[in-house]
Amino acid sequence: MTDALVKSAMHHWAPRLVANGVVLTDFEEITGSLRSWNDWCGAWSARAGVHEQLGRQALAAGKNLSAGEHLQRAGVYYHFGKFLFVHDPAQMKTTHMKAVECRRLALPHLAPAGERVAIPFEGKTLYGILRKPAGATKSPNMKLPVMVMACGLDSCKEETDTYEQPFLARGIAILVFDGPEHRTPTARVPRRCSLRFHIWRHRRNAES
């Protein structure tokens, strides 16, 4: 019998997971195999590993588009595997770093491509992803509007591809990042309003 936490997760998160890149068949197979919340992270990580392997194989074969798609999906699966898995911090952190690694590997092969960026903040570093619309790199002097996405609470930059695409398709660059005291371990500094200035300054750099 599936426990109450798994049932609650399936009920509340199914639309979000599928909308953000989880294949419906994978969602049904993974969640259908679970009996305990303790198995959640491991089950998602196992399926993420399948997509990661496919991505790495495609990368080695020079099939970059397929590689980007598989690795992007693997990153999303790893993210939702450690999603609120707070009772096991070690497993949560390990799985989070797998999500970061997979999306980092995917970024050059997405359409349009992206790059990982580092934003200095109070002696620490906030990490983000910068993507520019197709064709922007051919015109280095082009001024672009930039949509800044600050991930909060249970979200992170590894799951935002679905949100990025509508803006990129309309000629808007994307800067998405994990804010202070959020996700990436090196950014463990308190949240504060002064962050807005750092975002503005980085956005100006992205526009140039």
N, C-alpha and C. Protein backbone atom coordinates (compact mmCIF):
# COMPACT_ATOMS: atom_id res chain seq x y z
N MET A 1 0.85 -1.20 0.00
CA MET A 1 0.00 0.00 0.00
C MET A 1 0.89 1.25 0.00
N THR A 2 0.59 2.18 -0.90
CA THR A 2 1.35 3.42 -0.99
C THR A 2 1.06 4.31 0.21
N ASP A 3 2.13 4.89 0.81
CA ASP A 3 1.90 5.70 2.00
C ASP A 3 1.33 7.07 1.65
N ALA A 4 0.87 7.79 2.69
CA ALA A 4 0.14 9.04 2.50
C ALA A 4 1.00 10.12 1.86
N LEU A 5 2.30 10.16 2.17
CA LEU A 5 3.17 11.19 1.60
C LEU A 5 3.30 11.02 0.09
N VAL A 6 3.46 9.78 -0.37
CA VAL A 6 3.57 9.53 -1.80
C VAL A 6 2.26 9.89 -2.50
N LYS A 7 1.14 9.50 -1.91
CA LYS A 7 -0.15 9.83 -2.50
C LYS A 7 -0.34 11.34 -2.59
N SER A 8 0.06 12.06 -1.55
CA SER A 8 -0.06 13.51 -1.55
C SER A 8 0.83 14.13 -2.63
N ALA A 9 2.05 13.63 -2.76
CA ALA A 9 2.98 14.14 -3.77
C ALA A 9 2.42 13.92 -5.17
N MET A 10 1.90 12.74 -5.42
CA MET A 10 1.33 12.43 -6.73
C MET A 10 0.15 13.34 -7.03
N HIS A 11 -0.67 13.57 -6.04
CA HIS A 11 -1.88 14.38 -6.23
C HIS A 11 -1.54 15.84 -6.51
N HIS A 12 -0.60 16.39 -5.75
CA HIS A 12 -0.31 17.82 -5.85
C HIS A 12 0.69 18.16 -6.95
N TRP A 13 1.61 17.26 -7.25
CA TRP A 13 2.72 17.62 -8.13
C TRP A 13 2.61 17.09 -9.55
N ALA A 14 1.70 16.18 -9.82
CA ALA A 14 1.64 15.57 -11.16
C ALA A 14 1.59 16.62 -12.28
N PRO A 15 0.71 17.62 -12.23
CA PRO A 15 0.67 18.60 -13.33
C PRO A 15 1.99 19.35 -13.49
N ARG A 16 2.58 19.74 -12.37
CA ARG A 16 3.83 20.50 -12.44
C ARG A 16 4.95 19.67 -13.04
N LEU A 17 5.08 18.43 -12.61
CA LEU A 17 6.16 17.59 -13.10
C LEU A 17 6.03 17.33 -14.60
N VAL A 18 4.83 17.00 -15.03
CA VAL A 18 4.63 16.72 -16.45
C VAL A 18 4.80 17.98 -17.29
N ALA A 19 4.30 19.12 -16.80
CA ALA A 19 4.44 20.38 -17.53
C ALA A 19 5.90 20.80 -17.66
N ASN A 20 6.73 20.40 -16.70
CA ASN A 20 8.14 20.82 -16.69
C ASN A 20 9.08 19.80 -17.29
N GLY A 21 8.55 18.85 -18.05
CA GLY A 21 9.43 18.00 -18.83
C GLY A 21 9.46 16.54 -18.47
N VAL A 22 8.70 16.12 -17.47
CA VAL A 22 8.65 14.69 -17.13
C VAL A 22 7.69 14.00 -18.10
N VAL A 23 8.18 12.95 -18.74
CA VAL A 23 7.33 12.18 -19.65
C VAL A 23 6.24 11.50 -18.83
N LEU A 24 5.00 11.58 -19.30
CA LEU A 24 3.88 11.05 -18.53
C LEU A 24 4.06 9.56 -18.24
N THR A 25 4.57 8.80 -19.21
CA THR A 25 4.80 7.37 -18.98
C THR A 25 5.80 7.15 -17.85
N ASP A 26 6.86 7.95 -17.84
CA ASP A 26 7.85 7.84 -16.76
C ASP A 26 7.21 8.18 -15.42
N PHE A 27 6.42 9.25 -15.39
CA PHE A 27 5.77 9.62 -14.13
C PHE A 27 4.90 8.48 -13.60
N GLU A 28 4.11 7.87 -14.47
CA GLU A 28 3.21 6.81 -14.03
C GLU A 28 3.98 5.57 -13.58
N GLU A 29 5.04 5.23 -14.31
CA GLU A 29 5.82 4.04 -13.94
C GLU A 29 6.58 4.26 -12.63
N ILE A 30 7.17 5.43 -12.48
CA ILE A 30 7.95 5.70 -11.26
C ILE A 30 7.04 5.75 -10.05
N THR A 31 6.01 6.56 -10.13
CA THR A 31 5.13 6.70 -8.96
C THR A 31 4.35 5.43 -8.68
N GLY A 32 4.06 4.67 -9.74
CA GLY A 32 3.33 3.41 -9.55
C GLY A 32 4.15 2.36 -8.84
N SER A 33 5.46 2.52 -8.85
CA SER A 33 6.34 1.53 -8.21
C SER A 33 6.61 1.85 -6.74
N LEU A 34 6.18 3.04 -6.29
CA LEU A 34 6.53 3.50 -4.94
C LEU A 34 5.53 3.02 -3.89
N ARG A 35 6.06 2.64 -2.75
CA ARG A 35 5.22 2.30 -1.61
C ARG A 35 5.52 3.20 -0.41
N SER A 36 6.71 3.80 -0.40
CA SER A 36 7.13 4.64 0.72
C SER A 36 7.79 5.90 0.20
N TRP A 37 7.60 7.00 0.92
CA TRP A 37 8.27 8.25 0.58
C TRP A 37 9.78 8.10 0.60
N ASN A 38 10.29 7.21 1.42
CA ASN A 38 11.74 6.98 1.49
C ASN A 38 12.32 6.51 0.16
N ASP A 39 11.48 5.98 -0.72
CA ASP A 39 11.94 5.45 -2.00
C ASP A 39 11.86 6.49 -3.12
N TRP A 40 11.27 7.64 -2.83
CA TRP A 40 11.00 8.64 -3.87
C TRP A 40 12.27 9.08 -4.60
N CYS A 41 13.25 9.54 -3.87
CA CYS A 41 14.46 10.09 -4.49
C CYS A 41 15.21 9.03 -5.28
N GLY A 42 15.33 7.84 -4.73
CA GLY A 42 16.04 6.77 -5.41
C GLY A 42 15.37 6.35 -6.70
N ALA A 43 14.04 6.28 -6.69
CA ALA A 43 13.32 5.86 -7.89
C ALA A 43 13.45 6.90 -9.01
N TRP A 44 13.33 8.16 -8.67
CA TRP A 44 13.49 9.20 -9.68
C TRP A 44 14.93 9.28 -10.18
N SER A 45 15.87 9.09 -9.29
CA SER A 45 17.28 9.12 -9.69
C SER A 45 17.62 7.98 -10.64
N ALA A 46 17.02 6.81 -10.40
CA ALA A 46 17.27 5.67 -11.27
C ALA A 46 16.79 5.95 -12.69
N ARG A 47 15.60 6.54 -12.81
CA ARG A 47 15.08 6.85 -14.15
C ARG A 47 15.87 8.02 -14.76
N ALA A 48 16.27 8.96 -13.94
CA ALA A 48 17.12 10.04 -14.43
C ALA A 48 18.41 9.48 -15.01
N GLY A 49 18.96 8.46 -14.34
CA GLY A 49 20.19 7.84 -14.81
C GLY A 49 20.05 7.24 -16.20
N VAL A 50 18.87 6.73 -16.52
CA VAL A 50 18.63 6.18 -17.86
C VAL A 50 18.75 7.29 -18.91
N HIS A 51 18.10 8.42 -18.64
CA HIS A 51 18.16 9.55 -19.59
C HIS A 51 19.57 10.15 -19.63
N GLU A 52 20.22 10.20 -18.49
CA GLU A 52 21.60 10.71 -18.48
C GLU A 52 22.51 9.84 -19.35
N GLN A 53 22.38 8.53 -19.22
CA GLN A 53 23.21 7.63 -20.02
C GLN A 53 22.93 7.81 -21.51
N LEU A 54 21.65 7.92 -21.87
CA LEU A 54 21.30 8.14 -23.27
C LEU A 54 21.90 9.46 -23.77
N GLY A 55 21.87 10.48 -22.91
CA GLY A 55 22.44 11.76 -23.28
C GLY A 55 23.94 11.71 -23.49
N ARG A 56 24.62 11.02 -22.60
CA ARG A 56 26.08 10.92 -22.72
C ARG A 56 26.46 10.09 -23.95
N GLN A 57 25.69 9.07 -24.23
CA GLN A 57 25.95 8.26 -25.42
C GLN A 57 25.74 9.09 -26.69
N ALA A 58 24.67 9.86 -26.71
CA ALA A 58 24.40 10.72 -27.87
C ALA A 58 25.50 11.76 -28.03
N LEU A 59 25.97 12.30 -26.91
CA LEU A 59 27.05 13.29 -26.95
C LEU A 59 28.31 12.69 -27.55
N ALA A 60 28.64 11.48 -27.12
CA ALA A 60 29.84 10.81 -27.63
C ALA A 60 29.71 10.50 -29.12
N ALA A 61 28.48 10.30 -29.59
CA ALA A 61 28.24 9.97 -31.00
C ALA A 61 28.06 11.22 -31.86
N GLY A 62 28.17 12.39 -31.25
CA GLY A 62 28.02 13.63 -32.00
C GLY A 62 26.58 14.00 -32.31
N LYS A 63 25.62 13.35 -31.63
CA LYS A 63 24.20 13.65 -31.83
C LYS A 63 23.78 14.66 -30.76
N ASN A 64 24.20 15.90 -31.00
CA ASN A 64 24.12 16.91 -29.95
C ASN A 64 22.70 17.31 -29.58
N LEU A 65 21.80 17.37 -30.55
CA LEU A 65 20.43 17.74 -30.23
C LEU A 65 19.79 16.71 -29.31
N SER A 66 19.97 15.44 -29.63
CA SER A 66 19.43 14.37 -28.77
C SER A 66 20.10 14.39 -27.41
N ALA A 67 21.41 14.66 -27.40
CA ALA A 67 22.14 14.73 -26.14
C ALA A 67 21.56 15.81 -25.24
N GLY A 68 21.32 17.00 -25.82
CA GLY A 68 20.77 18.09 -25.03
C GLY A 68 19.41 17.76 -24.47
N GLU A 69 18.56 17.12 -25.27
CA GLU A 69 17.22 16.77 -24.81
C GLU A 69 17.26 15.76 -23.67
N HIS A 70 18.07 14.70 -23.83
CA HIS A 70 18.14 13.67 -22.79
C HIS A 70 18.74 14.22 -21.50
N LEU A 71 19.81 15.01 -21.62
CA LEU A 71 20.47 15.52 -20.42
C LEU A 71 19.60 16.56 -19.71
N GLN A 72 18.88 17.37 -20.48
CA GLN A 72 17.93 18.31 -19.88
C GLN A 72 16.88 17.54 -19.08
N ARG A 73 16.35 16.49 -19.68
CA ARG A 73 15.32 15.69 -19.00
C ARG A 73 15.89 15.02 -17.76
N ALA A 74 17.11 14.51 -17.86
CA ALA A 74 17.74 13.88 -16.70
C ALA A 74 17.86 14.88 -15.55
N GLY A 75 18.25 16.11 -15.88
CA GLY A 75 18.37 17.14 -14.84
C GLY A 75 17.05 17.42 -14.15
N VAL A 76 15.97 17.45 -14.92
CA VAL A 76 14.64 17.66 -14.36
C VAL A 76 14.26 16.51 -13.44
N TYR A 77 14.55 15.27 -13.85
CA TYR A 77 14.21 14.10 -13.04
C TYR A 77 15.00 14.08 -11.73
N TYR A 78 16.29 14.39 -11.83
CA TYR A 78 17.09 14.46 -10.60
C TYR A 78 16.54 15.54 -9.68
N HIS A 79 16.17 16.68 -10.27
CA HIS A 79 15.62 17.76 -9.45
C HIS A 79 14.37 17.31 -8.72
N PHE A 80 13.44 16.70 -9.42
CA PHE A 80 12.20 16.29 -8.77
C PHE A 80 12.41 15.07 -7.87
N GLY A 81 13.52 14.38 -8.04
CA GLY A 81 13.85 13.31 -7.12
C GLY A 81 14.20 13.83 -5.73
N LYS A 82 14.99 14.89 -5.69
CA LYS A 82 15.37 15.44 -4.39
C LYS A 82 14.42 16.53 -3.93
N PHE A 83 13.41 16.80 -4.73
CA PHE A 83 12.39 17.80 -4.48
C PHE A 83 11.74 17.58 -3.11
N LEU A 84 12.05 18.44 -2.15
CA LEU A 84 11.52 18.38 -0.79
C LEU A 84 11.90 17.10 -0.04
N PHE A 85 12.99 16.45 -0.46
CA PHE A 85 13.44 15.23 0.21
C PHE A 85 14.33 15.61 1.40
N VAL A 86 13.79 16.46 2.26
CA VAL A 86 14.60 17.12 3.28
C VAL A 86 14.97 16.24 4.46
N HIS A 87 14.34 15.09 4.59
CA HIS A 87 14.65 14.23 5.74
C HIS A 87 15.95 13.45 5.53
N ASP A 88 16.51 13.52 4.31
CA ASP A 88 17.79 12.85 4.01
C ASP A 88 18.69 13.87 3.30
N PRO A 89 19.29 14.80 4.05
CA PRO A 89 20.06 15.88 3.43
C PRO A 89 21.21 15.40 2.54
N ALA A 90 21.87 14.32 2.93
CA ALA A 90 23.00 13.83 2.13
C ALA A 90 22.53 13.37 0.75
N GLN A 91 21.46 12.58 0.73
CA GLN A 91 20.93 12.11 -0.55
C GLN A 91 20.37 13.28 -1.36
N MET A 92 19.73 14.20 -0.68
CA MET A 92 19.17 15.38 -1.36
C MET A 92 20.28 16.19 -2.04
N LYS A 93 21.38 16.42 -1.34
CA LYS A 93 22.47 17.22 -1.89
C LYS A 93 23.14 16.49 -3.06
N THR A 94 23.39 15.20 -2.91
CA THR A 94 24.02 14.44 -3.99
C THR A 94 23.18 14.47 -5.25
N THR A 95 21.87 14.30 -5.08
CA THR A 95 20.97 14.27 -6.23
C THR A 95 20.84 15.66 -6.85
N HIS A 96 20.85 16.68 -6.03
CA HIS A 96 20.81 18.05 -6.55
C HIS A 96 22.02 18.32 -7.43
N MET A 97 23.19 17.91 -7.01
CA MET A 97 24.39 18.16 -7.81
C MET A 97 24.36 17.38 -9.12
N LYS A 98 23.70 16.23 -9.14
CA LYS A 98 23.50 15.50 -10.41
C LYS A 98 22.60 16.31 -11.34
N ALA A 99 21.58 16.94 -10.79
CA ALA A 99 20.69 17.78 -11.60
C ALA A 99 21.47 18.95 -12.20
N VAL A 100 22.31 19.58 -11.38
CA VAL A 100 23.12 20.70 -11.85
C VAL A 100 24.06 20.24 -12.97
N GLU A 101 24.71 19.11 -12.78
CA GLU A 101 25.66 18.60 -13.76
C GLU A 101 24.98 18.30 -15.09
N CYS A 102 23.82 17.67 -15.04
CA CYS A 102 23.14 17.29 -16.28
C CYS A 102 22.67 18.51 -17.07
N ARG A 103 22.13 19.51 -16.36
CA ARG A 103 21.71 20.69 -17.12
C ARG A 103 22.92 21.46 -17.64
N ARG A 104 23.99 21.47 -16.89
CA ARG A 104 25.21 22.14 -17.37
C ARG A 104 25.70 21.48 -18.66
N LEU A 105 25.68 20.16 -18.71
CA LEU A 105 26.10 19.45 -19.91
C LEU A 105 25.14 19.68 -21.07
N ALA A 106 23.86 19.85 -20.74
CA ALA A 106 22.84 20.03 -21.79
C ALA A 106 22.90 21.41 -22.43
N LEU A 107 23.28 22.43 -21.66
CA LEU A 107 23.11 23.82 -22.09
C LEU A 107 23.69 24.14 -23.48
N PRO A 108 24.91 23.71 -23.82
CA PRO A 108 25.44 24.08 -25.14
C PRO A 108 24.68 23.46 -26.30
N HIS A 109 23.87 22.44 -26.00
CA HIS A 109 23.22 21.68 -27.06
C HIS A 109 21.71 21.91 -27.12
N LEU A 110 21.21 22.84 -26.30
CA LEU A 110 19.80 23.20 -26.36
C LEU A 110 19.57 24.21 -27.47
N ALA A 111 18.32 24.39 -27.84
CA ALA A 111 17.99 25.37 -28.86
C ALA A 111 17.00 26.38 -28.28
N PRO A 112 17.48 27.63 -28.04
CA PRO A 112 18.85 28.09 -28.20
C PRO A 112 19.74 27.63 -27.04
N ALA A 113 21.03 27.70 -27.28
CA ALA A 113 22.00 27.26 -26.28
C ALA A 113 22.00 28.19 -25.07
N GLY A 114 22.58 27.71 -23.99
CA GLY A 114 22.69 28.52 -22.77
C GLY A 114 24.08 28.39 -22.19
N GLU A 115 24.33 29.17 -21.16
CA GLU A 115 25.62 29.08 -20.46
C GLU A 115 25.40 29.28 -18.97
N ARG A 116 26.20 28.62 -18.19
CA ARG A 116 26.15 28.77 -16.74
C ARG A 116 26.91 30.04 -16.36
N VAL A 117 26.34 30.84 -15.48
CA VAL A 117 26.96 32.10 -15.08
C VAL A 117 27.11 32.13 -13.57
N ALA A 118 28.08 32.89 -13.11
CA ALA A 118 28.35 33.06 -11.68
C ALA A 118 28.16 34.53 -11.33
N ILE A 119 27.39 34.81 -10.29
CA ILE A 119 27.09 36.17 -9.87
C ILE A 119 27.67 36.39 -8.47
N PRO A 120 28.70 37.22 -8.32
CA PRO A 120 29.26 37.48 -6.99
C PRO A 120 28.22 38.15 -6.09
N PHE A 121 28.17 37.69 -4.85
CA PHE A 121 27.19 38.27 -3.93
C PHE A 121 27.69 38.11 -2.50
N GLU A 122 28.12 39.22 -1.89
CA GLU A 122 28.53 39.25 -0.49
C GLU A 122 29.58 38.19 -0.15
N GLY A 123 30.57 38.07 -1.00
CA GLY A 123 31.64 37.11 -0.76
C GLY A 123 31.30 35.69 -1.14
N LYS A 124 30.09 35.46 -1.59
CA LYS A 124 29.65 34.15 -2.04
C LYS A 124 29.39 34.21 -3.54
N THR A 125 28.86 33.14 -4.08
CA THR A 125 28.55 33.10 -5.50
C THR A 125 27.15 32.53 -5.71
N LEU A 126 26.33 33.27 -6.47
CA LEU A 126 25.04 32.77 -6.89
C LEU A 126 25.19 32.25 -8.31
N TYR A 127 24.64 31.08 -8.59
CA TYR A 127 24.78 30.49 -9.92
C TYR A 127 23.48 30.59 -10.69
N GLY A 128 23.63 30.84 -11.98
CA GLY A 128 22.46 30.97 -12.83
C GLY A 128 22.72 30.46 -14.23
N ILE A 129 21.73 30.65 -15.08
CA ILE A 129 21.81 30.23 -16.48
C ILE A 129 21.37 31.41 -17.34
N LEU A 130 22.17 31.70 -18.35
CA LEU A 130 21.86 32.77 -19.30
C LEU A 130 21.62 32.14 -20.67
N ARG A 131 20.46 32.45 -21.24
CA ARG A 131 20.16 32.00 -22.60
C ARG A 131 19.70 33.19 -23.43
N LYS A 132 20.20 33.27 -24.65
CA LYS A 132 19.81 34.34 -25.56
C LYS A 132 19.02 33.76 -26.73
N PRO A 133 18.12 34.54 -27.29
CA PRO A 133 17.30 34.03 -28.39
C PRO A 133 18.15 33.60 -29.58
N ALA A 134 17.60 32.72 -30.39
CA ALA A 134 18.30 32.26 -31.60
C ALA A 134 18.65 33.46 -32.46
N GLY A 135 19.89 33.49 -32.94
CA GLY A 135 20.34 34.58 -33.79
C GLY A 135 21.01 35.72 -33.06
N ALA A 136 20.85 35.78 -31.75
CA ALA A 136 21.42 36.89 -30.99
C ALA A 136 22.94 36.88 -31.02
N THR A 137 23.53 35.67 -31.02
CA THR A 137 25.00 35.59 -31.02
C THR A 137 25.60 36.05 -32.34
N LYS A 138 24.78 36.12 -33.40
CA LYS A 138 25.29 36.57 -34.70
C LYS A 138 25.37 38.08 -34.78
N SER A 139 24.72 38.74 -33.83
CA SER A 139 24.73 40.21 -33.80
C SER A 139 25.20 40.66 -32.42
N PRO A 140 26.52 40.70 -32.20
CA PRO A 140 27.06 40.99 -30.86
C PRO A 140 26.65 42.34 -30.30
N ASN A 141 26.27 43.29 -31.16
CA ASN A 141 25.89 44.62 -30.68
C ASN A 141 24.38 44.77 -30.46
N MET A 142 23.65 43.67 -30.65
CA MET A 142 22.20 43.71 -30.49
C MET A 142 21.84 43.92 -29.02
N LYS A 143 20.92 44.85 -28.76
CA LYS A 143 20.41 45.09 -27.42
C LYS A 143 19.16 44.23 -27.22
N LEU A 144 19.18 43.44 -26.18
CA LEU A 144 18.08 42.51 -25.94
C LEU A 144 17.36 42.82 -24.63
N PRO A 145 16.05 42.68 -24.62
CA PRO A 145 15.36 42.68 -23.32
C PRO A 145 15.72 41.39 -22.60
N VAL A 146 15.75 41.44 -21.27
CA VAL A 146 16.14 40.27 -20.48
C VAL A 146 15.07 40.00 -19.42
N MET A 147 14.58 38.78 -19.40
CA MET A 147 13.68 38.34 -18.35
C MET A 147 14.51 37.70 -17.25
N VAL A 148 14.44 38.24 -16.04
CA VAL A 148 15.18 37.71 -14.91
C VAL A 148 14.23 36.84 -14.08
N MET A 149 14.61 35.59 -13.90
CA MET A 149 13.80 34.66 -13.11
C MET A 149 14.57 34.30 -11.84
N ALA A 150 14.02 34.62 -10.71
CA ALA A 150 14.62 34.27 -9.42
C ALA A 150 13.86 33.09 -8.84
N CYS A 151 14.51 31.95 -8.80
CA CYS A 151 13.85 30.75 -8.28
C CYS A 151 13.68 30.86 -6.77
N GLY A 152 12.58 30.34 -6.27
CA GLY A 152 12.32 30.44 -4.84
C GLY A 152 11.73 29.17 -4.27
N LEU A 153 11.92 29.00 -2.98
CA LEU A 153 11.36 27.89 -2.23
C LEU A 153 11.74 26.56 -2.86
N ASP A 154 10.80 25.85 -3.50
CA ASP A 154 11.09 24.50 -3.96
C ASP A 154 11.49 24.43 -5.43
N SER A 155 11.65 25.55 -6.10
CA SER A 155 12.05 25.53 -7.51
C SER A 155 13.54 25.80 -7.63
N CYS A 156 14.09 25.53 -8.81
CA CYS A 156 15.50 25.84 -9.06
C CYS A 156 15.71 25.96 -10.57
N LYS A 157 16.86 26.48 -10.95
CA LYS A 157 17.14 26.78 -12.35
C LYS A 157 17.21 25.54 -13.23
N GLU A 158 17.32 24.35 -12.66
CA GLU A 158 17.39 23.13 -13.46
C GLU A 158 16.03 22.70 -14.02
N GLU A 159 14.95 23.32 -13.55
CA GLU A 159 13.62 22.89 -14.01
C GLU A 159 12.91 23.94 -14.86
N THR A 160 13.59 25.00 -15.27
CA THR A 160 12.88 26.15 -15.85
C THR A 160 12.84 26.19 -17.37
N ASP A 161 13.31 25.17 -18.05
CA ASP A 161 13.33 25.21 -19.52
C ASP A 161 11.96 25.52 -20.10
N THR A 162 10.91 24.90 -19.56
CA THR A 162 9.56 25.11 -20.08
C THR A 162 9.15 26.57 -19.94
N TYR A 163 9.55 27.22 -18.85
CA TYR A 163 9.21 28.62 -18.65
C TYR A 163 10.05 29.55 -19.53
N GLU A 164 11.25 29.12 -19.85
CA GLU A 164 12.16 29.95 -20.64
C GLU A 164 11.73 30.04 -22.10
N GLN A 165 11.24 28.93 -22.64
CA GLN A 165 11.01 28.85 -24.08
C GLN A 165 10.07 29.92 -24.65
N PRO A 166 8.93 30.23 -24.02
CA PRO A 166 8.05 31.25 -24.61
C PRO A 166 8.71 32.62 -24.75
N PHE A 167 9.57 32.97 -23.79
CA PHE A 167 10.26 34.26 -23.86
C PHE A 167 11.36 34.23 -24.92
N LEU A 168 12.13 33.16 -24.96
CA LEU A 168 13.18 33.03 -25.96
C LEU A 168 12.61 33.09 -27.37
N ALA A 169 11.46 32.46 -27.57
CA ALA A 169 10.82 32.45 -28.89
C ALA A 169 10.37 33.84 -29.32
N ARG A 170 10.22 34.74 -28.36
CA ARG A 170 9.78 36.11 -28.64
C ARG A 170 10.93 37.11 -28.57
N GLY A 171 12.16 36.61 -28.63
CA GLY A 171 13.32 37.49 -28.70
C GLY A 171 13.77 38.06 -27.38
N ILE A 172 13.38 37.42 -26.28
CA ILE A 172 13.75 37.90 -24.94
C ILE A 172 14.78 36.95 -24.33
N ALA A 173 15.90 37.49 -23.90
CA ALA A 173 16.92 36.68 -23.24
C ALA A 173 16.44 36.30 -21.83
N ILE A 174 17.02 35.23 -21.31
CA ILE A 174 16.63 34.70 -20.00
C ILE A 174 17.84 34.63 -19.08
N LEU A 175 17.70 35.18 -17.90
CA LEU A 175 18.69 34.98 -16.83
C LEU A 175 17.92 34.38 -15.65
N VAL A 176 18.16 33.12 -15.37
CA VAL A 176 17.50 32.44 -14.26
C VAL A 176 18.55 32.03 -13.25
N PHE A 177 18.27 32.22 -11.98
CA PHE A 177 19.29 31.92 -10.98
C PHE A 177 18.65 31.44 -9.68
N ASP A 178 19.44 30.74 -8.90
CA ASP A 178 19.04 30.33 -7.55
C ASP A 178 19.51 31.41 -6.58
N GLY A 179 18.58 31.97 -5.85
CA GLY A 179 18.89 33.09 -4.96
C GLY A 179 19.62 32.67 -3.70
N PRO A 180 19.95 33.64 -2.84
CA PRO A 180 20.65 33.36 -1.59
C PRO A 180 19.89 32.35 -0.73
N GLU A 181 20.64 31.54 -0.02
CA GLU A 181 20.09 30.54 0.89
C GLU A 181 19.13 29.59 0.15
N HIS A 182 19.54 29.25 -1.07
CA HIS A 182 18.63 28.45 -1.89
C HIS A 182 19.41 27.50 -2.78
N ARG A 183 19.17 26.22 -2.66
CA ARG A 183 19.66 25.16 -3.54
C ARG A 183 21.18 25.01 -3.52
N THR A 184 21.90 25.66 -4.45
CA THR A 184 23.32 25.41 -4.59
C THR A 184 24.03 25.74 -3.29
N PRO A 185 24.77 24.80 -2.71
CA PRO A 185 25.32 24.95 -1.36
C PRO A 185 26.20 26.18 -1.15
N THR A 186 26.91 26.64 -2.20
CA THR A 186 27.84 27.75 -2.02
C THR A 186 27.12 29.08 -1.84
N ALA A 187 25.80 29.10 -2.03
CA ALA A 187 25.07 30.37 -1.95
C ALA A 187 24.34 30.51 -0.62
N ARG A 188 24.88 29.93 0.45
CA ARG A 188 24.18 29.94 1.73
C ARG A 188 24.39 31.27 2.45
N VAL A 189 23.70 32.28 2.00
CA VAL A 189 23.70 33.58 2.68
C VAL A 189 22.25 34.02 2.81
N PRO A 190 21.93 34.82 3.82
CA PRO A 190 20.53 35.20 4.05
C PRO A 190 19.93 35.97 2.88
N ARG A 191 18.62 35.81 2.69
CA ARG A 191 17.91 36.59 1.69
C ARG A 191 17.86 38.06 2.14
N ARG A 192 17.90 38.96 1.13
CA ARG A 192 17.79 40.37 1.47
C ARG A 192 17.46 41.20 0.23
N CYS A 193 16.95 42.40 0.45
CA CYS A 193 16.49 43.24 -0.65
C CYS A 193 17.64 43.72 -1.53
N SER A 194 18.85 43.84 -0.98
CA SER A 194 19.97 44.36 -1.76
C SER A 194 20.29 43.46 -2.95
N LEU A 195 19.73 42.25 -2.96
CA LEU A 195 19.95 41.36 -4.08
C LEU A 195 19.47 41.99 -5.38
N ARG A 196 18.47 42.88 -5.30
CA ARG A 196 17.92 43.46 -6.51
C ARG A 196 18.97 44.24 -7.28
N PHE A 197 19.88 44.90 -6.59
CA PHE A 197 20.93 45.66 -7.27
C PHE A 197 21.85 44.73 -8.04
N HIS A 198 22.22 43.61 -7.43
CA HIS A 198 23.11 42.67 -8.08
C HIS A 198 22.45 42.07 -9.32
N ILE A 199 21.15 41.80 -9.25
CA ILE A 199 20.42 41.29 -10.41
C ILE A 199 20.46 42.32 -11.53
N TRP A 200 20.19 43.58 -11.19
CA TRP A 200 20.16 44.64 -12.20
C TRP A 200 21.52 44.76 -12.87
N ARG A 201 22.58 44.72 -12.08
CA ARG A 201 23.92 44.87 -12.65
C ARG A 201 24.26 43.72 -13.57
N HIS A 202 23.90 42.49 -13.17
CA HIS A 202 24.18 41.34 -14.03
C HIS A 202 23.33 41.40 -15.29
N ARG A 203 22.09 41.88 -15.16
CA ARG A 203 21.22 42.01 -16.32
C ARG A 203 21.83 42.98 -17.33
N ARG A 204 22.38 44.07 -16.85
CA ARG A 204 23.01 45.03 -17.75
C ARG A 204 24.17 44.39 -18.50
N ASN A 205 24.93 43.54 -17.81
CA ASN A 205 26.04 42.84 -18.47
C ASN A 205 25.51 41.90 -19.53
N ALA A 206 24.38 41.25 -19.26
CA ALA A 206 23.81 40.31 -20.21
C ALA A 206 23.33 41.03 -21.46
N GLU A 207 22.87 42.26 -21.30
CA GLU A 207 22.34 43.01 -22.45
C GLU A 207 23.44 43.46 -23.39
N SER A 208 24.66 43.59 -22.86
CA SER A 208 25.76 44.12 -23.68
C SER A 208 26.49 43.01 -24.42
